[in-house]
Amino acid sequence: MIGKPIKLSRESEKQIIIQELSCFGIHQTSNGEQLQTLDYFSLLNMLAVQKAIRS
């Protein structure tokens, strides 16, 4: 079906957020924790804060 949106898995969405944070130069938390160890909502929060700071 044309025009039907693709539903990404939560893990795929998590990897996209990590990629976006990497573009901002962020590879770990302020505590030194690697982004890959964080859950989806923690990453989403980090990304939202970075976008707010940079806008």
C-alpha atoms as a PDB file:
ATOM      1  CA  MET A   1       0.000   0.000   0.000  1.00  0.00           C
ATOM      2  CA  ILE A   2       1.449   3.349  -0.997  1.00  0.00           C
ATOM      3  CA  GLY A   3       1.627   6.077   1.617  1.00  0.00           C
ATOM      4  CA  LYS A   4       1.415   3.775   4.609  1.00  0.00           C
ATOM      5  CA  PRO A   5       3.922   4.863   7.283  1.00  0.00           C
ATOM      6  CA  ILE A   6       6.586   2.399   8.353  1.00  0.00           C
ATOM      7  CA  LYS A   7       6.539   1.552  12.056  1.00  0.00           C
ATOM      8  CA  LEU A   8      10.060   1.323  13.435  1.00  0.00           C
ATOM      9  CA  SER A   9      10.886  -0.889  16.372  1.00  0.00           C
ATOM     10  CA  ARG A  10      11.747   0.800  19.651  1.00  0.00           C
ATOM     11  CA  GLU A  11      15.345  -0.413  19.236  1.00  0.00           C
ATOM     12  CA  SER A  12      15.545   1.202  15.786  1.00  0.00           C
ATOM     13  CA  GLU A  13      14.184   4.457  17.192  1.00  0.00           C
ATOM     14  CA  LYS A  14      16.746   4.241  20.014  1.00  0.00           C
ATOM     15  CA  GLN A  15      19.590   3.885  17.498  1.00  0.00           C
ATOM     16  CA  ILE A  16      18.332   6.910  15.553  1.00  0.00           C
ATOM     17  CA  ILE A  17      18.328   9.003  18.737  1.00  0.00           C
ATOM     18  CA  ILE A  18      21.863   7.842  19.562  1.00  0.00           C
ATOM     19  CA  GLN A  19      22.922   8.858  16.043  1.00  0.00           C
ATOM     20  CA  GLU A  20      21.366  12.318  16.487  1.00  0.00           C
ATOM     21  CA  LEU A  21      23.080  12.784  19.846  1.00  0.00           C
ATOM     22  CA  SER A  22      26.371  11.738  18.249  1.00  0.00           C
ATOM     23  CA  CYS A  23      25.888  14.484  15.649  1.00  0.00           C
ATOM     24  CA  PHE A  24      25.720  16.927  18.571  1.00  0.00           C
ATOM     25  CA  GLY A  25      29.027  15.489  19.815  1.00  0.00           C
ATOM     26  CA  ILE A  26      27.433  13.586  22.687  1.00  0.00           C
ATOM     27  CA  HIS A  27      28.670  10.034  23.160  1.00  0.00           C
ATOM     28  CA  GLN A  28      28.033   9.514  26.853  1.00  0.00           C
ATOM     29  CA  THR A  29      26.127  11.016  29.765  1.00  0.00           C
ATOM     30  CA  SER A  30      27.606  13.586  32.121  1.00  0.00           C
ATOM     31  CA  ASN A  31      28.249  10.645  34.469  1.00  0.00           C
ATOM     32  CA  GLY A  32      30.309   8.844  31.816  1.00  0.00           C
ATOM     33  CA  GLU A  33      27.621   6.267  31.037  1.00  0.00           C
ATOM     34  CA  GLN A  34      27.555   5.092  27.403  1.00  0.00           C
ATOM     35  CA  LEU A  35      24.435   6.042  25.445  1.00  0.00           C
ATOM     36  CA  GLN A  36      23.853   2.430  24.379  1.00  0.00           C
ATOM     37  CA  THR A  37      23.193   1.470  28.010  1.00  0.00           C
ATOM     38  CA  LEU A  38      20.369   3.988  28.438  1.00  0.00           C
ATOM     39  CA  ASP A  39      16.719   3.234  27.854  1.00  0.00           C
ATOM     40  CA  TYR A  40      14.683   4.801  25.064  1.00  0.00           C
ATOM     41  CA  PHE A  41      12.980   7.419  27.225  1.00  0.00           C
ATOM     42  CA  SER A  42      16.232   8.593  28.825  1.00  0.00           C
ATOM     43  CA  LEU A  43      17.739   9.031  25.370  1.00  0.00           C
ATOM     44  CA  LEU A  44      14.651  10.826  24.114  1.00  0.00           C
ATOM     45  CA  ASN A  45      14.860  13.202  27.070  1.00  0.00           C
ATOM     46  CA  MET A  46      18.550  13.900  26.404  1.00  0.00           C
ATOM     47  CA  LEU A  47      17.793  14.648  22.759  1.00  0.00           C
ATOM     48  CA  ALA A  48      14.919  16.978  23.646  1.00  0.00           C
ATOM     49  CA  VAL A  49      17.150  18.913  26.060  1.00  0.00           C
ATOM     50  CA  GLN A  50      19.911  19.234  23.458  1.00  0.00           C
ATOM     51  CA  LYS A  51      17.509  20.454  20.801  1.00  0.00           C
ATOM     52  CA  ALA A  52      16.059  23.014  23.248  1.00  0.00           C
ATOM     53  CA  ILE A  53      19.530  24.256  24.168  1.00  0.00           C
ATOM     54  CA  ARG A  54      20.585  24.602  20.547  1.00  0.00           C
ATOM     55  CA  SER A  55      17.451  26.314  19.235  1.00  0.00           C
END
